[in-house]
């Protein structure tokens, strides 16, 4: 069988393979929390201001558009995840429908996405943690609080949080999900507090003009303004629900729980984002908080609630590790699936007999994130994560549509409604957002995949499980 056409079976069972099956321990509340934990992260605390600066009050529409594109992709994910409740997400769906070579490219892109996000959020968390450390210990060695690019030796807080999260994930999926659930509650309480404090200052005049920069994206000095320009930026704040599909194999009732987890978390987060954006713009003119690195705290502080502003910022610091946790979880499951299929070293697919988790690949992922977070400047390369995510979204939507046309009679536990509309909308919407990425991002994405494709053609294609059939 040619490596270009070989595919895994859609109905293949994997749990019977000794030492390579994951333990089903998650219910739908864990999955919703997993999605909210990834989606409601640093984006809502920081991108609200940036989006308002690019689109004015029209940023609310930007949130809605980005959410609609992601919701369409989420519906495609829900169908494929319930059809193939196995680890690997878009990589696994591509492998079954479009073949091994496409699956490799998608999996390789997901590895880039998850690794960069884990490292970047570790660095972002370290920035807040470093400030707290210096507040408590003014004489702390600053060379250990900054990476080499900032004049330090190593960003030790970023290293520590990456390794701690990896250690927690290695201990067990249910235990990690419980911690994530609690931290998600902290985030939601903080955002609810912001809305309650901001609403009394609501001024409808702040919403006029609604779209001062227009609807379509247009570039000024290298920055894309307008509602659609802001939507390309806001997209970063929405993705994360795809990590839920990587938990398919560890879900107790995939048909029900995956659907609720994926679709439910997307709907909930879209409502949260629009409510927060409306409260922020109603309380203060967008131009006033657009340039603040902490817009929500800035607004509340300006309204005279300095203590509450500090608590909102503290909640962000406490809850930010949930983003690292969910994306690192997704990373380990993609690694695991590719290793189990023979496309990465087999040792990475070994599941611990007592803990029921792939300990080796989890600690390996944590080590990579720790090294990147401790040593590298990630302010520019973080946008590369968007490219990997969009590639995965497009692949999943295409897999869903191809399978609908090839096997229309196949039983499906969840069916994407109006798939002939939702599927193309997801593909075209993601393609539009991809076109809005910077030239640097596209160059890094292409180079990364050329390296991966070379590794596949030279080495891994001959070690694939299907190459031995």
Protein backbone atom coordinates (compact mmCIF):
# COMPACT_ATOMS: atom_id res chain seq x y z
CA UNK A 1 0.00 0.00 0.00
CA UNK A 2 1.37 3.44 -0.97
CA UNK A 3 2.12 5.77 1.93
CA UNK A 4 0.08 8.41 0.04
CA UNK A 5 -3.15 6.40 0.25
CA UNK A 6 -2.91 4.20 3.35
CA UNK A 7 -5.51 4.95 6.02
CA UNK A 8 -6.43 3.70 9.46
CA UNK A 9 -9.86 2.10 9.91
CA UNK A 10 -12.58 4.38 11.24
CA UNK A 11 -13.98 1.59 13.44
CA UNK A 12 -10.59 0.41 14.72
CA UNK A 13 -10.54 -0.47 18.40
CA UNK A 14 -7.44 0.56 20.34
CA UNK A 15 -8.25 -0.10 23.98
CA UNK A 16 -7.40 -3.79 23.73
CA UNK A 17 -3.75 -3.11 22.91
CA UNK A 18 -1.96 -3.83 26.16
CA UNK A 19 -0.22 -0.77 27.57
CA UNK A 20 -1.49 1.50 24.78
CA UNK A 21 -5.12 2.19 25.74
CA UNK A 22 -6.17 5.23 27.77
CA UNK A 23 -8.53 4.91 30.74
CA UNK A 24 -12.05 6.45 30.31
CA UNK A 25 -12.56 8.66 33.39
CA UNK A 26 -14.12 11.91 32.10
CA UNK A 27 -17.76 13.03 31.99
CA UNK A 28 -19.30 16.00 30.19
CA UNK A 29 -18.77 18.49 33.09
CA UNK A 30 -15.03 17.73 32.91
CA UNK A 31 -15.06 18.29 29.14
CA UNK A 32 -16.96 21.59 29.33
CA UNK A 33 -14.49 22.76 31.98
CA UNK A 34 -11.63 21.56 29.77
CA UNK A 35 -12.94 23.69 26.90
CA UNK A 36 -13.66 26.74 29.04
CA UNK A 37 -10.27 26.31 30.71
CA UNK A 38 -8.53 26.61 27.34
CA UNK A 39 -10.78 29.21 25.70
CA UNK A 40 -11.30 31.61 28.60
CA UNK A 41 -7.65 32.35 29.22
CA UNK A 42 -5.27 35.21 28.72
CA UNK A 43 -7.20 36.24 25.59
CA UNK A 44 -10.25 37.62 27.39
CA UNK A 45 -8.06 39.52 29.85
CA UNK A 46 -5.86 41.13 27.20
CA UNK A 47 -7.41 40.90 23.72
CA UNK A 48 -10.57 42.78 24.71
CA UNK A 49 -8.55 46.01 24.74
CA UNK A 50 -6.61 45.22 21.58
CA UNK A 51 -9.78 44.34 19.66
CA UNK A 52 -11.47 47.54 20.82
CA UNK A 53 -8.49 49.53 19.55
CA UNK A 54 -8.76 47.89 16.11
CA UNK A 55 -12.53 47.90 15.67
CA UNK A 56 -14.00 50.23 18.30
CA UNK A 57 -17.37 49.05 19.68
CA UNK A 58 -17.54 46.82 16.59
CA UNK A 59 -15.20 44.50 18.53
CA UNK A 60 -18.39 42.88 19.84
CA UNK A 61 -19.17 41.90 16.26
CA UNK A 62 -15.57 40.69 15.86
CA UNK A 63 -16.07 38.36 18.82
CA UNK A 64 -19.30 37.09 17.27
CA UNK A 65 -17.69 36.45 13.85
CA UNK A 66 -14.63 34.68 15.26
CA UNK A 67 -16.94 32.70 17.51
CA UNK A 68 -19.17 31.75 14.57
CA UNK A 69 -16.21 30.42 12.55
CA UNK A 70 -14.97 28.44 15.54
CA UNK A 71 -18.51 27.21 16.30
CA UNK A 72 -18.80 25.84 12.75
CA UNK A 73 -15.47 24.07 13.21
CA UNK A 74 -16.67 22.84 16.63
CA UNK A 75 -19.72 21.18 15.06
CA UNK A 76 -17.46 19.37 12.59
CA UNK A 77 -15.22 18.29 15.49
CA UNK A 78 -18.24 17.02 17.44
CA UNK A 79 -19.29 14.74 14.56
CA UNK A 80 -15.80 13.37 13.96
CA UNK A 81 -14.98 13.00 17.67
CA UNK A 82 -18.12 10.94 18.37
CA UNK A 83 -17.52 8.90 15.20
CA UNK A 84 -13.90 8.19 16.18
CA UNK A 85 -13.59 8.48 19.98
CA UNK A 86 -9.82 8.07 20.00
CA UNK A 87 -6.88 10.25 20.98
CA UNK A 88 -5.32 12.40 18.28
CA UNK A 89 -8.02 14.91 17.32
CA UNK A 90 -7.67 16.30 13.76
CA UNK A 91 -4.63 14.08 13.17
CA UNK A 92 -6.68 10.91 13.70
CA UNK A 93 -9.61 12.13 11.58
CA UNK A 94 -7.27 13.05 8.72
CA UNK A 95 -5.54 9.66 8.95
CA UNK A 96 -8.82 7.78 8.55
CA UNK A 97 -10.28 9.94 5.76
CA UNK A 98 -7.44 11.61 3.82
CA UNK A 99 -4.49 9.31 4.39
CA UNK A 100 -1.24 9.10 6.27
CA UNK A 101 0.68 11.91 4.56
CA UNK A 102 -2.05 14.49 5.19
CA UNK A 103 -2.39 13.17 8.75
CA UNK A 104 1.32 13.65 9.34
CA UNK A 105 1.15 17.28 8.20
CA UNK A 106 -1.88 17.94 10.42
CA UNK A 107 -0.29 16.18 13.42
CA UNK A 108 2.99 18.02 12.90
CA UNK A 109 1.06 21.33 12.75
CA UNK A 110 -0.78 20.46 15.98
CA UNK A 111 2.52 19.75 17.71
CA UNK A 112 3.68 23.24 16.73
CA UNK A 113 0.42 24.82 17.91
CA UNK A 114 0.28 23.16 21.31
CA UNK A 115 4.00 23.51 22.06
CA UNK A 116 4.09 27.21 21.26
CA UNK A 117 0.93 27.93 23.27
CA UNK A 118 2.20 25.99 26.31
CA UNK A 119 5.50 27.84 26.25
CA UNK A 120 3.96 31.24 25.53
CA UNK A 121 1.39 31.04 28.32
CA UNK A 122 4.13 29.84 30.67
CA UNK A 123 6.09 32.99 29.84
CA UNK A 124 2.96 35.15 30.23
CA UNK A 125 2.24 33.61 33.62
CA UNK A 126 5.87 34.08 34.62
CA UNK A 127 5.58 37.81 33.94
CA UNK A 128 2.81 38.15 36.55
CA UNK A 129 4.51 35.71 38.93
CA UNK A 130 7.84 37.55 38.63
CA UNK A 131 6.17 40.81 39.64
CA UNK A 132 4.61 39.13 42.68
CA UNK A 133 7.96 37.56 43.63
CA UNK A 134 9.72 40.93 43.48
CA UNK A 135 6.93 42.45 45.57
CA UNK A 136 7.49 39.87 48.28
CA UNK A 137 11.26 39.54 47.84
CA UNK A 138 12.76 42.77 46.39
CA UNK A 139 16.27 41.29 46.40
CA UNK A 140 15.34 38.22 44.33
CA UNK A 141 17.94 37.50 41.60
CA UNK A 142 16.31 39.03 38.52
CA UNK A 143 18.63 37.07 36.23
CA UNK A 144 16.51 34.02 37.14
CA UNK A 145 13.25 35.81 36.36
CA UNK A 146 14.08 36.73 32.76
CA UNK A 147 15.09 34.84 29.66
CA UNK A 148 18.35 35.59 27.81
CA UNK A 149 16.57 37.93 25.38
CA UNK A 150 15.62 40.19 28.31
CA UNK A 151 19.12 40.24 29.82
CA UNK A 152 18.65 37.36 32.25
CA UNK A 153 19.92 33.79 32.44
CA UNK A 154 16.70 31.76 32.51
CA UNK A 155 13.02 32.49 33.06
CA UNK A 156 12.77 30.18 36.06
CA UNK A 157 9.06 30.76 36.86
CA UNK A 158 8.17 29.73 33.28
CA UNK A 159 10.25 26.56 33.67
CA UNK A 160 8.69 25.73 37.03
CA UNK A 161 5.05 26.18 35.96
CA UNK A 162 5.53 24.10 32.80
CA UNK A 163 7.07 21.24 34.78
CA UNK A 164 4.45 21.46 37.56
CA UNK A 165 1.59 21.25 35.06
CA UNK A 166 3.27 18.31 33.31
CA UNK A 167 3.68 16.56 36.66
CA UNK A 168 0.01 17.06 37.50
CA UNK A 169 -1.08 15.69 34.12
CA UNK A 170 1.17 12.67 34.58
CA UNK A 171 -0.49 11.86 37.92
CA UNK A 172 -3.87 11.24 36.29
CA UNK A 173 -6.45 12.67 33.92
CA UNK A 174 -9.28 12.78 36.48
CA UNK A 175 -7.06 14.55 39.04
CA UNK A 176 -5.97 17.12 36.45
CA UNK A 177 -9.58 17.66 35.37
CA UNK A 178 -10.64 18.34 38.96
CA UNK A 179 -7.95 20.99 39.44
CA UNK A 180 -8.88 22.53 36.08
CA UNK A 181 -12.57 22.59 37.11
CA UNK A 182 -11.81 24.55 40.28
CA UNK A 183 -9.57 27.06 38.49
CA UNK A 184 -12.18 27.56 35.75
CA UNK A 185 -14.70 28.50 38.46
CA UNK A 186 -12.20 31.09 39.76
CA UNK A 187 -11.93 32.62 36.27
CA UNK A 188 -15.68 32.74 35.73
CA UNK A 189 -16.31 34.32 39.14
CA UNK A 190 -13.70 37.00 38.36
CA UNK A 191 -15.31 37.79 34.98
CA UNK A 192 -18.79 37.86 36.55
CA UNK A 193 -17.43 40.28 39.15
CA UNK A 194 -16.08 42.51 36.39
CA UNK A 195 -19.46 42.63 34.64
CA UNK A 196 -21.32 43.41 37.90
CA UNK A 197 -18.94 46.28 38.75
CA UNK A 198 -18.83 47.69 35.22
CA UNK A 199 -22.57 47.67 34.43
CA UNK A 200 -23.53 50.60 36.76
CA UNK A 201 -21.22 52.83 34.68
CA UNK A 202 -22.81 51.71 31.38
CA UNK A 203 -23.06 54.54 28.83
CA UNK A 204 -24.74 53.77 25.49
CA UNK A 205 -22.93 56.74 23.89
CA UNK A 206 -19.70 54.69 23.95
CA UNK A 207 -21.17 52.47 21.20
CA UNK A 208 -21.39 55.35 18.68
CA UNK A 209 -19.98 55.16 16.04
CA UNK A 210 -20.25 51.37 16.19
CA UNK A 211 -17.68 50.60 13.47
CA UNK A 212 -15.32 53.62 13.29
CA UNK A 213 -12.77 51.59 11.26
CA UNK A 214 -15.35 49.96 9.00
CA UNK A 215 -16.19 46.28 8.60
CA UNK A 216 -13.59 44.81 6.23
CA UNK A 217 -9.96 44.51 7.28
CA UNK A 218 -7.63 47.22 5.99
CA UNK A 219 -3.98 47.70 6.83
CA UNK A 220 -2.47 50.88 8.31
CA UNK A 221 1.28 50.87 9.05
CA UNK A 222 1.29 47.09 9.05
CA UNK A 223 -1.68 46.79 11.45
CA UNK A 224 -5.05 45.46 10.26
CA UNK A 225 -7.99 47.55 11.43
CA UNK A 226 -11.74 47.02 11.08
CA UNK A 227 -14.15 44.42 12.41
CA UNK A 228 -12.67 41.60 10.30
CA UNK A 229 -9.11 42.68 11.13
CA UNK A 230 -9.94 42.41 14.83
CA UNK A 231 -11.64 39.05 14.22
CA UNK A 232 -8.33 37.60 12.96
CA UNK A 233 -6.71 38.66 16.25
CA UNK A 234 -9.61 37.60 18.46
CA UNK A 235 -9.53 34.12 16.94
CA UNK A 236 -6.56 33.39 19.23
CA UNK A 237 -8.87 33.85 22.21
CA UNK A 238 -11.36 31.24 20.97
CA UNK A 239 -9.46 28.14 20.01
CA UNK A 240 -8.87 25.50 22.59
CA UNK A 241 -12.10 23.55 22.25
CA UNK A 242 -10.22 21.25 19.85
CA UNK A 243 -8.29 19.97 22.86
CA UNK A 244 -11.56 18.39 24.03
CA UNK A 245 -11.54 16.03 21.04
CA UNK A 246 -8.10 14.79 22.09
CA UNK A 247 -9.86 13.48 25.23
CA UNK A 248 -12.22 11.25 23.18
CA UNK A 249 -10.57 8.03 24.28
CA UNK A 250 -10.80 9.01 27.96
CA UNK A 251 -14.50 9.92 27.86
CA UNK A 252 -17.04 7.67 29.58
CA UNK A 253 -19.91 8.28 27.16
CA UNK A 254 -18.43 9.76 23.95
CA UNK A 255 -21.74 10.06 22.06
CA UNK A 256 -23.24 12.38 24.67
CA UNK A 257 -20.29 13.85 26.54
CA UNK A 258 -18.15 14.95 23.57
CA UNK A 259 -21.06 16.74 21.92
CA UNK A 260 -21.96 18.61 25.11
CA UNK A 261 -18.30 19.37 25.85
CA UNK A 262 -17.34 20.73 22.42
CA UNK A 263 -20.52 22.59 21.44
CA UNK A 264 -21.39 23.61 25.01
CA UNK A 265 -18.00 25.16 25.79
CA UNK A 266 -18.02 27.12 22.50
CA UNK A 267 -21.50 28.57 23.07
CA UNK A 268 -20.75 29.38 26.69
CA UNK A 269 -17.46 31.11 25.88
CA UNK A 270 -18.94 33.15 23.01
CA UNK A 271 -21.63 34.47 25.38
CA UNK A 272 -19.01 35.23 28.04
CA UNK A 273 -16.77 37.10 25.59
CA UNK A 274 -19.61 39.23 24.19
CA UNK A 275 -20.92 40.03 27.68
CA UNK A 276 -17.47 41.10 28.88
CA UNK A 277 -16.85 43.18 25.73
CA UNK A 278 -20.25 44.90 26.08
CA UNK A 279 -19.65 45.68 29.77
CA UNK A 280 -16.14 46.99 29.05
CA UNK A 281 -17.18 49.29 26.18
CA UNK A 282 -20.27 50.45 28.05
CA UNK A 283 -18.17 51.44 31.08
CA UNK A 284 -15.40 53.22 29.17
CA UNK A 285 -14.79 54.51 25.65
CA UNK A 286 -12.66 51.96 23.73
CA UNK A 287 -9.89 54.46 22.99
CA UNK A 288 -9.26 54.86 26.73
CA UNK A 289 -8.56 51.22 27.59
CA UNK A 290 -7.39 49.90 24.22
CA UNK A 291 -3.67 50.27 24.94
CA UNK A 292 -3.73 48.84 28.46
CA UNK A 293 -2.03 45.42 28.87
CA UNK A 294 -4.66 44.62 31.53
CA UNK A 295 -7.82 46.31 30.16
CA UNK A 296 -10.34 44.72 32.54
CA UNK A 297 -8.39 45.64 35.66
CA UNK A 298 -7.71 49.09 34.17
CA UNK A 299 -11.43 49.75 33.69
CA UNK A 300 -12.39 48.61 37.19
CA UNK A 301 -9.51 50.59 38.72
CA UNK A 302 -10.64 53.70 36.83
CA UNK A 303 -14.14 53.25 38.24
CA UNK A 304 -12.70 53.50 41.76
CA UNK A 305 -12.59 49.80 42.65
CA UNK A 306 -8.83 49.40 43.10
CA UNK A 307 -9.10 46.40 45.42
CA UNK A 308 -11.44 44.58 43.06
CA UNK A 309 -9.10 45.36 40.16
CA UNK A 310 -6.28 43.69 42.07
CA UNK A 311 -8.43 40.64 42.75
CA UNK A 312 -9.35 40.33 39.05
CA UNK A 313 -5.66 40.46 38.13
CA UNK A 314 -4.86 37.90 40.85
CA UNK A 315 -7.59 35.60 39.55
CA UNK A 316 -6.01 35.77 36.11
CA UNK A 317 -2.65 34.71 37.56
CA UNK A 318 -4.16 31.89 39.60
CA UNK A 319 -6.27 30.55 36.74
CA UNK A 320 -3.84 31.03 33.84
CA UNK A 321 -2.22 27.60 34.38
CA UNK A 322 -5.51 26.03 33.20
CA UNK A 323 -4.62 27.18 29.68
CA UNK A 324 -1.19 25.56 29.94
CA UNK A 325 -2.82 22.43 31.37
CA UNK A 326 -5.39 21.98 28.60
CA UNK A 327 -3.01 22.66 25.72
CA UNK A 328 -0.32 20.46 27.24
CA UNK A 329 -2.96 17.76 27.65
CA UNK A 330 -3.83 18.09 23.96
CA UNK A 331 -0.16 18.03 23.00
CA UNK A 332 0.50 14.81 24.91
CA UNK A 333 -2.51 13.07 23.32
CA UNK A 334 -1.45 14.01 19.78
CA UNK A 335 2.09 12.81 20.54
CA UNK A 336 0.59 9.65 22.04
CA UNK A 337 -1.64 8.91 19.03
CA UNK A 338 1.16 9.48 16.51
CA UNK A 339 3.55 7.28 18.51
CA UNK A 340 0.95 4.51 18.80
CA UNK A 341 0.54 4.61 15.01
CA UNK A 342 4.31 4.26 14.57
CA UNK A 343 4.83 7.80 13.26
CA UNK A 344 6.86 8.80 16.32
CA UNK A 345 9.03 6.66 18.64
CA UNK A 346 6.87 3.87 20.11
CA UNK A 347 8.10 4.48 23.64
CA UNK A 348 6.07 7.71 23.76
CA UNK A 349 2.84 5.68 23.54
CA UNK A 350 3.42 3.59 26.66
CA UNK A 351 0.66 4.08 29.28
CA UNK A 352 1.54 3.77 32.99
CA UNK A 353 -0.15 0.69 34.43
CA UNK A 354 -1.30 2.41 37.66
CA UNK A 355 -1.81 6.04 36.66
CA UNK A 356 -3.43 5.27 33.30
CA UNK A 357 -1.61 8.17 31.58
CA UNK A 358 1.23 8.33 29.03
CA UNK A 359 3.80 9.48 31.59
CA UNK A 360 6.82 9.50 29.26
CA UNK A 361 5.23 11.69 26.60
CA UNK A 362 3.69 13.98 29.23
CA UNK A 363 7.01 14.66 30.95
CA UNK A 364 8.72 15.00 27.55
CA UNK A 365 6.15 17.64 26.53
CA UNK A 366 6.59 19.50 29.81
CA UNK A 367 10.36 19.50 29.34
CA UNK A 368 10.06 20.98 25.83
CA UNK A 369 7.69 23.71 27.05
CA UNK A 370 10.01 24.44 30.00
CA UNK A 371 13.07 24.79 27.76
CA UNK A 372 11.28 27.07 25.29
CA UNK A 373 9.62 29.14 28.01
CA UNK A 374 12.83 29.47 29.99
CA UNK A 375 15.09 30.49 27.12
CA UNK A 376 13.28 31.86 24.08
CA UNK A 377 11.48 35.11 23.24
CA UNK A 378 8.01 34.07 22.11
CA UNK A 379 6.35 37.44 21.48
CA UNK A 380 6.49 37.00 17.70
CA UNK A 381 6.33 33.25 17.20
CA UNK A 382 3.19 32.82 19.34
CA UNK A 383 1.10 33.84 16.33
CA UNK A 384 2.39 30.67 14.62
CA UNK A 385 0.01 28.76 16.89
CA UNK A 386 -2.87 30.32 14.94
CA UNK A 387 -1.57 28.80 11.70
CA UNK A 388 -1.41 25.29 13.17
CA UNK A 389 -4.88 25.61 14.65
CA UNK A 390 -6.45 26.85 11.42
CA UNK A 391 -4.83 23.98 9.50
CA UNK A 392 -6.36 21.49 11.96
CA UNK A 393 -9.80 23.14 11.77
CA UNK A 394 -9.78 23.04 7.95
CA UNK A 395 -8.64 19.38 7.94
CA UNK A 396 -11.42 18.35 10.35
CA UNK A 397 -14.12 20.14 8.35
CA UNK A 398 -12.85 18.56 5.11
CA UNK A 399 -12.74 15.10 6.73
CA UNK A 400 -16.34 15.50 7.89
CA UNK A 401 -17.55 16.55 4.42
CA UNK A 402 -15.59 13.88 2.55
CA UNK A 403 -16.93 11.15 4.82
CA UNK A 404 -20.49 12.48 4.48
CA UNK A 405 -20.19 12.15 0.68
CA UNK A 406 -18.35 8.82 0.67
CA UNK A 407 -20.34 7.08 3.41
CA UNK A 408 -23.68 8.88 3.84
CA UNK A 409 -25.33 5.80 5.42
CA UNK A 410 -22.70 5.34 8.15
CA UNK A 411 -24.30 5.58 11.63
CA UNK A 412 -23.32 8.81 13.39
CA UNK A 413 -23.86 9.52 17.07
CA UNK A 414 -23.85 13.26 16.37
CA UNK A 415 -24.56 14.84 12.99
CA UNK A 416 -23.36 18.32 12.06
CA UNK A 417 -26.58 20.21 11.24
CA UNK A 418 -26.77 21.52 7.65
CA UNK A 419 -23.33 20.02 7.02
CA UNK A 420 -23.25 21.23 3.41
CA UNK A 421 -23.39 24.81 4.78
CA UNK A 422 -21.53 24.48 8.09
CA UNK A 423 -18.59 22.55 6.60
CA UNK A 424 -17.80 24.98 3.75
CA UNK A 425 -18.36 27.95 6.08
CA UNK A 426 -15.78 26.52 8.52
CA UNK A 427 -13.25 25.93 5.71
CA UNK A 428 -13.73 29.33 4.05
CA UNK A 429 -13.86 31.19 7.37
CA UNK A 430 -10.64 29.58 8.56
CA UNK A 431 -9.00 30.19 5.17
CA UNK A 432 -9.91 33.88 5.41
CA UNK A 433 -8.44 34.13 8.90
CA UNK A 434 -5.33 32.26 7.72
CA UNK A 435 -4.88 34.82 4.93
CA UNK A 436 -4.90 37.53 7.60
CA UNK A 437 -1.85 36.11 9.38
CA UNK A 438 1.48 37.90 9.11
CA UNK A 439 4.08 36.97 6.50
CA UNK A 440 6.46 35.91 9.29
CA UNK A 441 3.86 33.50 10.69
CA UNK A 442 3.26 31.91 7.30
CA UNK A 443 7.00 31.55 6.68
CA UNK A 444 7.56 29.79 10.01
CA UNK A 445 4.55 27.53 9.38
CA UNK A 446 5.83 26.52 5.93
CA UNK A 447 9.41 25.93 7.14
CA UNK A 448 8.17 23.87 10.11
CA UNK A 449 6.08 21.65 7.85
CA UNK A 450 8.85 21.25 5.28
CA UNK A 451 11.12 20.01 8.08
CA UNK A 452 8.38 17.65 9.28
CA UNK A 453 7.61 16.36 5.80
CA UNK A 454 11.31 15.67 5.25
CA UNK A 455 11.48 13.70 8.51
CA UNK A 456 8.40 11.73 7.51
CA UNK A 457 9.64 10.85 4.01
CA UNK A 458 13.16 9.94 5.14
CA UNK A 459 12.36 8.08 8.36
CA UNK A 460 8.86 7.72 9.78
CA UNK A 461 6.88 6.60 6.71
CA UNK A 462 8.77 3.29 6.72
CA UNK A 463 8.15 2.80 10.47
CA UNK A 464 4.43 3.43 10.39
CA UNK A 465 2.27 0.53 11.57
CA UNK A 466 0.55 0.48 8.18
CA UNK A 467 3.88 0.22 6.38
CA UNK A 468 4.25 -3.24 7.92
CA UNK A 469 0.82 -4.48 6.79
